[in-house]
Amino acid sequence: MAAKNDPYTVREAVRAFALSLPGAVEEFPWGDSVVKVNKKIFVFLGDEEGERPPGVTVKLRDEAAHAHAMSVPGAAPTGYGLGKAGWVSIPLAERGAPRTELLCDWVEESYRAIAPKRLIAELDAS
């Protein structure tokens, strides 16, 4: 049985949470898992068992949340210019990686930045 803080267990818990959000669907462009709402990505989960260590990439508009995410060991602005738009890549295998609950909070913030208002209203009503 995998440990609670095993990076792959954490990644799977974050994936399950992301897919529980209204209208969320998983797709595999470039062979990596992403979760989308309204055809727009709100979380990158990477490949399940690839060469790169597991990580989560989210869009954080809230300055405090963004700064907190950037303070995680190994965290960095996302490449390809996405970092300029608030995207942060957070490694899960680093010592001091965030707890699952905090990652899920960040996934929800990223979802709220992307999702249409009607789906946010549905989330708030549940």
N, C-alpha and C. Protein backbone atom coordinates (compact mmCIF):
# COMPACT_ATOMS: atom_id res chain seq x y z
N MET A 1 0.84 -1.18 0.00
CA MET A 1 0.00 0.00 0.00
C MET A 1 0.89 1.25 0.00
N ALA A 2 0.55 2.22 -0.85
CA ALA A 2 1.35 3.42 -0.97
C ALA A 2 1.14 4.32 0.25
N ALA A 3 2.18 5.02 0.61
CA ALA A 3 2.10 5.95 1.73
C ALA A 3 1.21 7.13 1.36
N LYS A 4 0.60 7.75 2.37
CA LYS A 4 -0.32 8.87 2.16
C LYS A 4 0.36 10.03 1.44
N ASN A 5 1.65 10.25 1.72
CA ASN A 5 2.34 11.38 1.09
C ASN A 5 3.18 10.94 -0.11
N ASP A 6 2.98 9.71 -0.59
CA ASP A 6 3.64 9.26 -1.81
C ASP A 6 3.20 10.19 -2.95
N PRO A 7 4.15 10.70 -3.76
CA PRO A 7 3.78 11.67 -4.79
C PRO A 7 2.74 11.15 -5.79
N TYR A 8 2.77 9.86 -6.08
CA TYR A 8 1.79 9.32 -7.03
C TYR A 8 0.40 9.21 -6.39
N THR A 9 0.35 8.93 -5.10
CA THR A 9 -0.92 8.89 -4.37
C THR A 9 -1.49 10.30 -4.29
N VAL A 10 -0.65 11.27 -4.01
CA VAL A 10 -1.08 12.68 -3.96
C VAL A 10 -1.58 13.11 -5.33
N ARG A 11 -0.84 12.78 -6.39
CA ARG A 11 -1.24 13.14 -7.75
C ARG A 11 -2.62 12.56 -8.06
N GLU A 12 -2.84 11.30 -7.70
CA GLU A 12 -4.12 10.65 -7.97
C GLU A 12 -5.25 11.31 -7.19
N ALA A 13 -5.01 11.70 -5.95
CA ALA A 13 -6.03 12.38 -5.14
C ALA A 13 -6.37 13.74 -5.76
N VAL A 14 -5.36 14.46 -6.22
CA VAL A 14 -5.59 15.76 -6.86
C VAL A 14 -6.37 15.57 -8.16
N ARG A 15 -6.01 14.55 -8.93
CA ARG A 15 -6.71 14.23 -10.18
C ARG A 15 -8.19 13.94 -9.89
N ALA A 16 -8.45 13.10 -8.89
CA ALA A 16 -9.83 12.75 -8.55
C ALA A 16 -10.62 13.99 -8.13
N PHE A 17 -9.99 14.86 -7.34
CA PHE A 17 -10.66 16.09 -6.93
C PHE A 17 -10.97 16.96 -8.15
N ALA A 18 -10.00 17.15 -9.03
CA ALA A 18 -10.20 17.98 -10.22
C ALA A 18 -11.36 17.46 -11.06
N LEU A 19 -11.41 16.13 -11.22
CA LEU A 19 -12.47 15.53 -12.04
C LEU A 19 -13.84 15.59 -11.36
N SER A 20 -13.87 15.87 -10.05
CA SER A 20 -15.15 15.98 -9.34
C SER A 20 -15.79 17.35 -9.52
N LEU A 21 -15.06 18.30 -10.06
CA LEU A 21 -15.58 19.66 -10.25
C LEU A 21 -16.56 19.68 -11.42
N PRO A 22 -17.60 20.52 -11.36
CA PRO A 22 -18.63 20.55 -12.42
C PRO A 22 -18.03 20.78 -13.81
N GLY A 23 -18.39 19.90 -14.74
CA GLY A 23 -17.98 20.05 -16.14
C GLY A 23 -16.55 19.64 -16.44
N ALA A 24 -15.82 19.12 -15.46
CA ALA A 24 -14.41 18.77 -15.67
C ALA A 24 -14.28 17.47 -16.46
N VAL A 25 -13.33 17.47 -17.39
CA VAL A 25 -13.01 16.27 -18.19
C VAL A 25 -11.50 16.14 -18.30
N GLU A 26 -11.04 14.89 -18.37
CA GLU A 26 -9.61 14.63 -18.52
C GLU A 26 -9.30 14.35 -19.98
N GLU A 27 -8.20 14.91 -20.45
CA GLU A 27 -7.71 14.65 -21.80
C GLU A 27 -6.22 14.41 -21.72
N PHE A 28 -5.66 13.89 -22.81
CA PHE A 28 -4.24 13.53 -22.83
C PHE A 28 -3.51 14.11 -24.04
N PRO A 29 -3.49 15.44 -24.17
CA PRO A 29 -2.70 16.02 -25.25
C PRO A 29 -1.22 15.81 -24.94
N TRP A 30 -0.43 15.63 -25.90
CA TRP A 30 1.02 15.45 -25.74
C TRP A 30 1.35 14.23 -24.88
N GLY A 31 0.37 13.36 -24.61
CA GLY A 31 0.59 12.19 -23.77
C GLY A 31 0.51 12.48 -22.28
N ASP A 32 0.29 13.73 -21.90
CA ASP A 32 0.18 14.13 -20.50
C ASP A 32 -1.28 14.30 -20.12
N SER A 33 -1.58 14.06 -18.85
CA SER A 33 -2.93 14.26 -18.34
C SER A 33 -3.16 15.74 -18.04
N VAL A 34 -4.28 16.25 -18.55
CA VAL A 34 -4.74 17.59 -18.19
C VAL A 34 -6.21 17.47 -17.85
N VAL A 35 -6.69 18.37 -17.01
CA VAL A 35 -8.12 18.42 -16.73
C VAL A 35 -8.62 19.77 -17.23
N LYS A 36 -9.72 19.69 -17.99
CA LYS A 36 -10.27 20.88 -18.63
C LYS A 36 -11.70 21.13 -18.17
N VAL A 37 -12.09 22.38 -18.30
CA VAL A 37 -13.48 22.77 -18.14
C VAL A 37 -13.77 23.72 -19.30
N ASN A 38 -14.89 23.49 -19.98
CA ASN A 38 -15.26 24.34 -21.12
C ASN A 38 -14.14 24.39 -22.16
N LYS A 39 -13.48 23.25 -22.37
CA LYS A 39 -12.40 23.07 -23.35
C LYS A 39 -11.12 23.82 -23.02
N LYS A 40 -11.00 24.32 -21.78
CA LYS A 40 -9.80 25.04 -21.35
C LYS A 40 -9.15 24.30 -20.19
N ILE A 41 -7.84 24.18 -20.23
CA ILE A 41 -7.10 23.48 -19.19
C ILE A 41 -7.10 24.30 -17.90
N PHE A 42 -7.38 23.63 -16.77
CA PHE A 42 -7.22 24.30 -15.48
C PHE A 42 -6.21 23.60 -14.59
N VAL A 43 -5.79 22.40 -14.95
CA VAL A 43 -4.70 21.75 -14.22
C VAL A 43 -3.96 20.78 -15.15
N PHE A 44 -2.64 20.88 -15.11
CA PHE A 44 -1.77 19.94 -15.80
C PHE A 44 -1.30 18.93 -14.75
N LEU A 45 -1.42 17.63 -15.06
CA LEU A 45 -0.99 16.59 -14.12
C LEU A 45 0.21 15.80 -14.63
N GLY A 46 0.66 16.09 -15.84
CA GLY A 46 1.82 15.40 -16.40
C GLY A 46 1.49 13.97 -16.78
N ASP A 47 2.54 13.20 -17.04
CA ASP A 47 2.31 11.80 -17.39
C ASP A 47 2.34 10.96 -16.13
N GLU A 48 1.58 9.88 -16.17
CA GLU A 48 1.38 9.07 -14.96
C GLU A 48 2.65 8.42 -14.46
N GLU A 49 3.41 7.86 -15.36
CA GLU A 49 4.64 7.16 -14.95
C GLU A 49 5.76 7.46 -15.94
N GLY A 50 6.02 8.72 -16.13
CA GLY A 50 7.00 9.11 -17.13
C GLY A 50 8.37 9.36 -16.57
N GLU A 51 9.18 9.99 -17.40
CA GLU A 51 10.56 10.30 -17.01
C GLU A 51 10.61 11.41 -15.97
N ARG A 52 9.67 12.32 -16.02
CA ARG A 52 9.67 13.45 -15.08
C ARG A 52 9.00 13.03 -13.78
N PRO A 53 9.48 13.57 -12.65
CA PRO A 53 8.81 13.28 -11.38
C PRO A 53 7.41 13.88 -11.38
N PRO A 54 6.49 13.33 -10.59
CA PRO A 54 5.12 13.84 -10.59
C PRO A 54 5.04 15.28 -10.11
N GLY A 55 4.12 16.00 -10.72
CA GLY A 55 3.90 17.40 -10.36
C GLY A 55 2.52 17.84 -10.77
N VAL A 56 2.15 19.02 -10.33
CA VAL A 56 0.86 19.62 -10.64
C VAL A 56 1.13 21.05 -11.09
N THR A 57 0.43 21.48 -12.12
CA THR A 57 0.56 22.86 -12.59
C THR A 57 -0.82 23.50 -12.58
N VAL A 58 -0.91 24.65 -11.91
CA VAL A 58 -2.18 25.35 -11.75
C VAL A 58 -2.01 26.84 -12.04
N LYS A 59 -3.14 27.48 -12.34
CA LYS A 59 -3.15 28.93 -12.56
C LYS A 59 -3.66 29.60 -11.30
N LEU A 60 -2.83 30.44 -10.69
CA LEU A 60 -3.20 31.09 -9.44
C LEU A 60 -3.18 32.60 -9.64
N ARG A 61 -4.36 33.20 -9.64
CA ARG A 61 -4.48 34.66 -9.80
C ARG A 61 -4.32 35.38 -8.47
N ASP A 62 -4.75 34.74 -7.38
CA ASP A 62 -4.64 35.36 -6.06
C ASP A 62 -3.16 35.50 -5.71
N GLU A 63 -2.73 36.72 -5.41
CA GLU A 63 -1.30 36.98 -5.15
C GLU A 63 -0.76 36.17 -3.99
N ALA A 64 -1.53 36.05 -2.91
CA ALA A 64 -1.06 35.31 -1.74
C ALA A 64 -0.91 33.83 -2.06
N ALA A 65 -1.90 33.26 -2.76
CA ALA A 65 -1.82 31.84 -3.13
C ALA A 65 -0.65 31.61 -4.09
N HIS A 66 -0.47 32.52 -5.04
CA HIS A 66 0.63 32.40 -6.00
C HIS A 66 1.97 32.44 -5.27
N ALA A 67 2.11 33.38 -4.36
CA ALA A 67 3.36 33.50 -3.61
C ALA A 67 3.60 32.26 -2.75
N HIS A 68 2.53 31.74 -2.14
CA HIS A 68 2.65 30.53 -1.33
C HIS A 68 3.11 29.36 -2.20
N ALA A 69 2.47 29.19 -3.36
CA ALA A 69 2.85 28.10 -4.27
C ALA A 69 4.30 28.24 -4.73
N MET A 70 4.72 29.47 -5.01
CA MET A 70 6.10 29.70 -5.46
C MET A 70 7.12 29.43 -4.36
N SER A 71 6.67 29.42 -3.10
CA SER A 71 7.59 29.17 -1.99
C SER A 71 7.81 27.67 -1.75
N VAL A 72 7.07 26.83 -2.45
CA VAL A 72 7.23 25.37 -2.31
C VAL A 72 8.58 24.97 -2.90
N PRO A 73 9.33 24.09 -2.23
CA PRO A 73 10.62 23.65 -2.77
C PRO A 73 10.48 23.10 -4.19
N GLY A 74 11.24 23.67 -5.11
CA GLY A 74 11.24 23.22 -6.49
C GLY A 74 10.18 23.84 -7.38
N ALA A 75 9.26 24.61 -6.81
CA ALA A 75 8.20 25.24 -7.61
C ALA A 75 8.81 26.30 -8.52
N ALA A 76 8.17 26.49 -9.67
CA ALA A 76 8.68 27.46 -10.64
C ALA A 76 7.55 27.97 -11.52
N PRO A 77 7.73 29.17 -12.08
CA PRO A 77 6.75 29.62 -13.07
C PRO A 77 6.76 28.62 -14.23
N THR A 78 5.59 28.31 -14.73
CA THR A 78 5.46 27.34 -15.80
C THR A 78 6.11 27.87 -17.08
N GLY A 79 6.73 26.98 -17.81
CA GLY A 79 7.41 27.34 -19.05
C GLY A 79 6.45 27.73 -20.16
N TYR A 80 7.01 27.96 -21.32
CA TYR A 80 6.27 28.33 -22.53
C TYR A 80 5.48 29.63 -22.35
N GLY A 81 5.95 30.49 -21.46
CA GLY A 81 5.30 31.78 -21.24
C GLY A 81 4.08 31.73 -20.34
N LEU A 82 3.69 30.53 -19.89
CA LEU A 82 2.50 30.41 -19.04
C LEU A 82 2.72 31.03 -17.66
N GLY A 83 3.96 31.02 -17.18
CA GLY A 83 4.27 31.60 -15.88
C GLY A 83 3.88 33.06 -15.79
N LYS A 84 3.98 33.79 -16.92
CA LYS A 84 3.61 35.21 -16.93
C LYS A 84 2.12 35.42 -16.69
N ALA A 85 1.32 34.35 -16.96
CA ALA A 85 -0.12 34.44 -16.78
C ALA A 85 -0.56 33.83 -15.44
N GLY A 86 0.41 33.56 -14.55
CA GLY A 86 0.06 33.07 -13.22
C GLY A 86 0.15 31.57 -13.03
N TRP A 87 0.60 30.83 -14.04
CA TRP A 87 0.72 29.38 -13.92
C TRP A 87 1.98 29.01 -13.13
N VAL A 88 1.81 28.07 -12.19
CA VAL A 88 2.91 27.62 -11.33
C VAL A 88 3.01 26.10 -11.43
N SER A 89 4.23 25.60 -11.63
CA SER A 89 4.49 24.16 -11.65
C SER A 89 5.04 23.75 -10.28
N ILE A 90 4.36 22.79 -9.66
CA ILE A 90 4.67 22.38 -8.30
C ILE A 90 5.07 20.91 -8.28
N PRO A 91 6.32 20.60 -7.96
CA PRO A 91 6.73 19.20 -7.90
C PRO A 91 6.15 18.52 -6.66
N LEU A 92 5.82 17.25 -6.80
CA LEU A 92 5.23 16.52 -5.68
C LEU A 92 6.22 15.62 -4.96
N ALA A 93 7.38 15.39 -5.56
CA ALA A 93 8.35 14.47 -4.97
C ALA A 93 9.39 15.18 -4.10
N GLU A 94 9.36 16.51 -4.08
CA GLU A 94 10.34 17.26 -3.28
C GLU A 94 10.01 17.18 -1.79
N ARG A 95 11.02 17.21 -0.99
CA ARG A 95 10.82 17.28 0.46
C ARG A 95 10.12 18.62 0.75
N GLY A 96 9.07 18.60 1.54
CA GLY A 96 8.33 19.82 1.83
C GLY A 96 7.23 20.11 0.81
N ALA A 97 6.89 19.12 -0.03
CA ALA A 97 5.80 19.31 -1.01
C ALA A 97 4.49 19.58 -0.27
N PRO A 98 3.60 20.35 -0.87
CA PRO A 98 2.35 20.69 -0.19
C PRO A 98 1.48 19.46 0.07
N ARG A 99 0.64 19.57 1.09
CA ARG A 99 -0.32 18.51 1.41
C ARG A 99 -1.39 18.48 0.32
N THR A 100 -2.03 17.34 0.21
CA THR A 100 -3.08 17.14 -0.80
C THR A 100 -4.17 18.20 -0.69
N GLU A 101 -4.59 18.52 0.54
CA GLU A 101 -5.68 19.47 0.74
C GLU A 101 -5.33 20.85 0.16
N LEU A 102 -4.09 21.29 0.37
CA LEU A 102 -3.67 22.59 -0.16
C LEU A 102 -3.62 22.54 -1.68
N LEU A 103 -3.10 21.47 -2.23
CA LEU A 103 -3.07 21.32 -3.69
C LEU A 103 -4.48 21.37 -4.27
N CYS A 104 -5.43 20.72 -3.61
CA CYS A 104 -6.82 20.75 -4.07
C CYS A 104 -7.41 22.16 -3.99
N ASP A 105 -7.03 22.92 -2.95
CA ASP A 105 -7.47 24.32 -2.88
C ASP A 105 -6.95 25.09 -4.08
N TRP A 106 -5.69 24.86 -4.43
CA TRP A 106 -5.10 25.56 -5.58
C TRP A 106 -5.75 25.10 -6.89
N VAL A 107 -6.08 23.83 -7.00
CA VAL A 107 -6.78 23.33 -8.19
C VAL A 107 -8.14 24.01 -8.30
N GLU A 108 -8.84 24.16 -7.17
CA GLU A 108 -10.14 24.83 -7.21
C GLU A 108 -9.98 26.29 -7.62
N GLU A 109 -8.95 26.96 -7.13
CA GLU A 109 -8.73 28.35 -7.54
C GLU A 109 -8.47 28.43 -9.05
N SER A 110 -7.66 27.51 -9.55
CA SER A 110 -7.36 27.46 -10.98
C SER A 110 -8.65 27.22 -11.78
N TYR A 111 -9.47 26.30 -11.29
CA TYR A 111 -10.77 26.00 -11.93
C TYR A 111 -11.62 27.27 -11.99
N ARG A 112 -11.70 27.98 -10.86
CA ARG A 112 -12.51 29.20 -10.79
C ARG A 112 -12.00 30.28 -11.75
N ALA A 113 -10.69 30.28 -12.04
CA ALA A 113 -10.12 31.26 -12.97
C ALA A 113 -10.50 30.94 -14.42
N ILE A 114 -10.86 29.69 -14.69
CA ILE A 114 -11.10 29.23 -16.06
C ILE A 114 -12.58 28.96 -16.35
N ALA A 115 -13.30 28.42 -15.37
CA ALA A 115 -14.67 27.93 -15.58
C ALA A 115 -15.66 29.05 -15.86
N PRO A 116 -16.69 28.73 -16.65
CA PRO A 116 -17.77 29.71 -16.86
C PRO A 116 -18.54 29.95 -15.55
N LYS A 117 -19.15 31.12 -15.46
CA LYS A 117 -19.86 31.52 -14.24
C LYS A 117 -20.95 30.52 -13.83
N ARG A 118 -21.64 29.92 -14.81
CA ARG A 118 -22.72 28.97 -14.47
C ARG A 118 -22.17 27.74 -13.75
N LEU A 119 -20.96 27.28 -14.12
CA LEU A 119 -20.37 26.13 -13.45
C LEU A 119 -19.82 26.49 -12.07
N ILE A 120 -19.31 27.72 -11.94
CA ILE A 120 -18.87 28.19 -10.62
C ILE A 120 -20.07 28.28 -9.69
N ALA A 121 -21.21 28.75 -10.21
CA ALA A 121 -22.45 28.83 -9.41
C ALA A 121 -22.87 27.43 -8.99
N GLU A 122 -22.74 26.45 -9.88
CA GLU A 122 -23.07 25.06 -9.57
C GLU A 122 -22.15 24.54 -8.45
N LEU A 123 -20.87 24.86 -8.55
CA LEU A 123 -19.91 24.44 -7.51
C LEU A 123 -20.26 25.07 -6.17
N ASP A 124 -20.58 26.36 -6.18
CA ASP A 124 -20.90 27.08 -4.94
C ASP A 124 -22.19 26.56 -4.32
N ALA A 125 -23.13 26.08 -5.15
CA ALA A 125 -24.40 25.56 -4.64
C ALA A 125 -24.26 24.18 -4.01
N SER A 126 -23.20 23.48 -4.35
CA SER A 126 -23.05 22.10 -3.82
C SER A 126 -22.37 22.07 -2.47
